[in-house]
Structure formats: structure tokens, C-alpha cells
């Protein structure tokens, strides 16, 4: 594994979910904390709720000392810039087909309405997936076109 060459531009990554209130927000927060050296991160939804899920806010604050309420808010797809990589959270979000944009689905179950242990498990899954994505970006293993 080679070190990420800093002459590479950071890749713009969007984490997408339907309401942009739980999993995509957790992914944005964790990617910003764990991978901001290689990613410029955003989250968005096809519809939005007024606030981030309070249980998601609580678990991310407890596990990672990140206060999502002070740094993030729900956004629509059109509220974020053009990105290089789209990650859907597993909620069958229909995203526009953008030529040259790499897309993958993480297939995460929505913990909303479930026990805090489910939120913790989801956060840990997202953490591992963010670290894996970071490593693949550093190793140029993501097929990015026209970048």
C-alpha cells in the first residue's frame, strides 16, 4: 500500500439517503473526522426532515465526540456541489445517472426507531466503510473518470 500522494486532489464524496437525517449524516460526520485528508464530504437526501435524528446525534457524540447538530443539517441533492463519488446508504435512493461519477451502495439498515445499540452498530459499520473507502481512494482503486 502506497502513501496517498498529496498532489492528488481530495475527492468530493456525497453520502445519500432518503431523508438525510440519520445514516448519511453519520457518514458525513465520520468521513469528515476520519478521512478529510482525502475526501471533501457532503450528505444529502431526496427529501429532508427538519432535523438530524436525535439518536444519531447522541451516538455520534458519545462514540466520536462529534456534535453533528453544530456542524451539519439536512440537505437536498441540489444543495450540494457536483461530486466524484456517490455512496448510497441502502435505502433504494434513486439518484440521477451522472456520467463519470462512481457510485456504490453500502446496504445499511436504518436504525431509526430502534435501540441505541442498533445506532452504535450502524455507526461502527459506517466507520469501517469510511476507512475502507479512504484506503481505496489512497490506493487509486476507485474507477474515477475525467477527474
Protein backbone atom coordinates (compact mmCIF):
# COMPACT_ATOMS: atom_id res chain seq x y z
CA UNK A 1 0.00 0.00 0.00
CA UNK A 2 1.47 3.34 -1.03
CA UNK A 3 1.01 6.61 0.80
CA UNK A 4 -1.59 8.93 -0.65
CA UNK A 5 0.16 11.41 -2.89
CA UNK A 6 -0.85 14.86 -1.66
CA UNK A 7 -0.69 16.25 -5.20
CA UNK A 8 -3.91 14.31 -5.77
CA UNK A 9 -6.97 16.45 -5.22
CA UNK A 10 -9.32 15.40 -2.47
CA UNK A 11 -12.30 13.55 -3.94
CA UNK A 12 -15.75 15.00 -3.40
CA UNK A 13 -17.93 12.31 -1.81
CA UNK A 14 -21.68 12.50 -1.24
CA UNK A 15 -23.45 10.18 1.18
CA UNK A 16 -27.09 9.89 0.12
CA UNK A 17 -30.20 8.66 1.86
CA UNK A 18 -33.90 9.43 1.54
CA UNK A 19 -34.34 11.94 4.39
CA UNK A 20 -30.70 12.90 5.07
CA UNK A 21 -31.40 12.60 8.78
CA UNK A 22 -29.59 9.50 10.04
CA UNK A 23 -27.15 7.20 8.19
CA UNK A 24 -25.99 9.74 5.61
CA UNK A 25 -25.45 12.34 8.32
CA UNK A 26 -23.45 9.86 10.42
CA UNK A 27 -21.36 9.02 7.34
CA UNK A 28 -20.69 12.69 6.63
CA UNK A 29 -19.57 13.30 10.21
CA UNK A 30 -17.34 10.22 10.37
CA UNK A 31 -15.80 10.79 6.93
CA UNK A 32 -15.02 14.39 7.85
CA UNK A 33 -13.30 13.18 11.06
CA UNK A 34 -11.52 10.11 9.64
CA UNK A 35 -10.81 10.93 6.00
CA UNK A 36 -10.81 14.68 5.41
CA UNK A 37 -7.26 14.40 4.11
CA UNK A 38 -8.53 12.52 1.02
CA UNK A 39 -12.24 13.41 0.88
CA UNK A 40 -14.36 16.54 0.78
CA UNK A 41 -17.62 15.18 2.17
CA UNK A 42 -21.31 16.02 1.88
CA UNK A 43 -24.58 14.33 2.66
CA UNK A 44 -27.99 14.85 1.11
CA UNK A 45 -31.39 13.29 0.58
CA UNK A 46 -34.17 13.12 -1.96
CA UNK A 47 -36.45 14.59 0.73
CA UNK A 48 -35.40 16.13 4.02
CA UNK A 49 -36.59 16.16 7.59
CA UNK A 50 -36.32 19.30 9.70
CA UNK A 51 -33.59 17.88 11.95
CA UNK A 52 -30.98 15.16 12.19
CA UNK A 53 -32.25 12.09 14.05
CA UNK A 54 -31.58 12.83 17.76
CA UNK A 55 -30.47 9.24 18.43
CA UNK A 56 -27.91 9.51 15.61
CA UNK A 57 -26.72 12.82 17.08
CA UNK A 58 -26.39 11.22 20.53
CA UNK A 59 -24.49 8.10 19.42
CA UNK A 60 -22.03 10.03 17.24
CA UNK A 61 -21.43 12.45 20.12
CA UNK A 62 -20.91 9.58 22.61
CA UNK A 63 -18.69 7.40 20.40
CA UNK A 64 -16.72 10.02 18.45
CA UNK A 65 -17.19 13.35 20.31
CA UNK A 66 -18.68 14.92 17.17
CA UNK A 67 -21.61 17.31 17.61
CA UNK A 68 -23.47 16.90 14.31
CA UNK A 69 -26.07 19.48 15.31
CA UNK A 70 -23.44 22.21 15.37
CA UNK A 71 -21.78 21.30 12.06
CA UNK A 72 -24.45 19.72 9.85
CA UNK A 73 -28.07 19.99 8.75
CA UNK A 74 -30.36 18.02 6.39
CA UNK A 75 -29.88 18.95 2.72
CA UNK A 76 -31.40 18.06 -0.64
CA UNK A 77 -29.37 16.66 -3.55
CA UNK A 78 -29.48 20.02 -5.33
CA UNK A 79 -27.98 21.74 -2.25
CA UNK A 80 -24.58 20.08 -2.60
CA UNK A 81 -21.88 20.59 -5.25
CA UNK A 82 -21.02 18.18 -8.04
CA UNK A 83 -19.23 15.14 -6.63
CA UNK A 84 -16.80 12.45 -7.77
CA UNK A 85 -18.21 9.59 -5.67
CA UNK A 86 -21.78 8.82 -4.60
CA UNK A 87 -22.40 6.46 -1.70
CA UNK A 88 -25.99 5.43 -1.05
CA UNK A 89 -26.78 4.11 2.39
CA UNK A 90 -29.02 1.22 1.40
CA UNK A 91 -32.40 2.90 1.19
CA UNK A 92 -33.01 2.44 -2.53
CA UNK A 93 -32.42 6.12 -3.26
CA UNK A 94 -32.94 6.88 -6.92
CA UNK A 95 -30.05 9.11 -7.87
CA UNK A 96 -29.60 10.82 -11.19
CA UNK A 97 -27.31 8.94 -13.55
CA UNK A 98 -24.23 11.14 -13.67
CA UNK A 99 -21.68 10.01 -16.26
CA UNK A 100 -18.19 9.61 -14.84
CA UNK A 101 -19.38 9.52 -11.24
CA UNK A 102 -18.51 6.38 -9.28
CA UNK A 103 -21.47 5.07 -7.26
CA UNK A 104 -21.77 2.32 -4.66
CA UNK A 105 -24.43 1.22 -2.19
CA UNK A 106 -23.45 0.38 1.37
CA UNK A 107 -26.69 -1.52 2.12
CA UNK A 108 -27.04 -0.33 5.72
CA UNK A 109 -30.23 -0.97 7.66
CA UNK A 110 -31.91 2.14 9.05
CA UNK A 111 -31.63 2.14 12.86
CA UNK A 112 -34.37 4.80 13.25
CA UNK A 113 -36.88 3.81 15.91
CA UNK A 114 -34.64 1.02 17.21
CA UNK A 115 -32.48 0.63 20.32
CA UNK A 116 -29.34 2.72 20.81
CA UNK A 117 -27.30 -0.47 20.35
CA UNK A 118 -28.54 -0.53 16.73
CA UNK A 119 -27.37 3.06 16.25
CA UNK A 120 -23.98 2.13 17.72
CA UNK A 121 -23.69 -0.90 15.43
CA UNK A 122 -24.61 1.23 12.40
CA UNK A 123 -22.06 3.88 13.39
CA UNK A 124 -19.33 1.23 13.68
CA UNK A 125 -20.29 -0.22 10.26
CA UNK A 126 -20.10 3.27 8.74
CA UNK A 127 -16.73 3.88 10.41
CA UNK A 128 -15.29 0.70 8.85
CA UNK A 129 -16.77 1.51 5.44
CA UNK A 130 -15.40 5.07 5.55
CA UNK A 131 -11.93 3.75 6.41
CA UNK A 132 -12.18 1.20 3.58
CA UNK A 133 -13.29 3.91 1.13
CA UNK A 134 -10.42 6.13 2.27
CA UNK A 135 -7.91 3.32 1.68
CA UNK A 136 -9.31 2.61 -1.79
CA UNK A 137 -9.09 6.29 -2.71
CA UNK A 138 -5.50 6.45 -1.44
CA UNK A 139 -4.63 3.34 -3.46
CA UNK A 140 -6.38 4.64 -6.60
CA UNK A 141 -8.69 1.61 -6.54
CA UNK A 142 -11.87 3.54 -7.33
CA UNK A 143 -12.55 3.87 -11.05
CA UNK A 144 -12.92 7.63 -11.34
CA UNK A 145 -13.31 9.04 -14.83
CA UNK A 146 -12.46 12.50 -16.11
CA UNK A 147 -11.03 13.66 -12.79
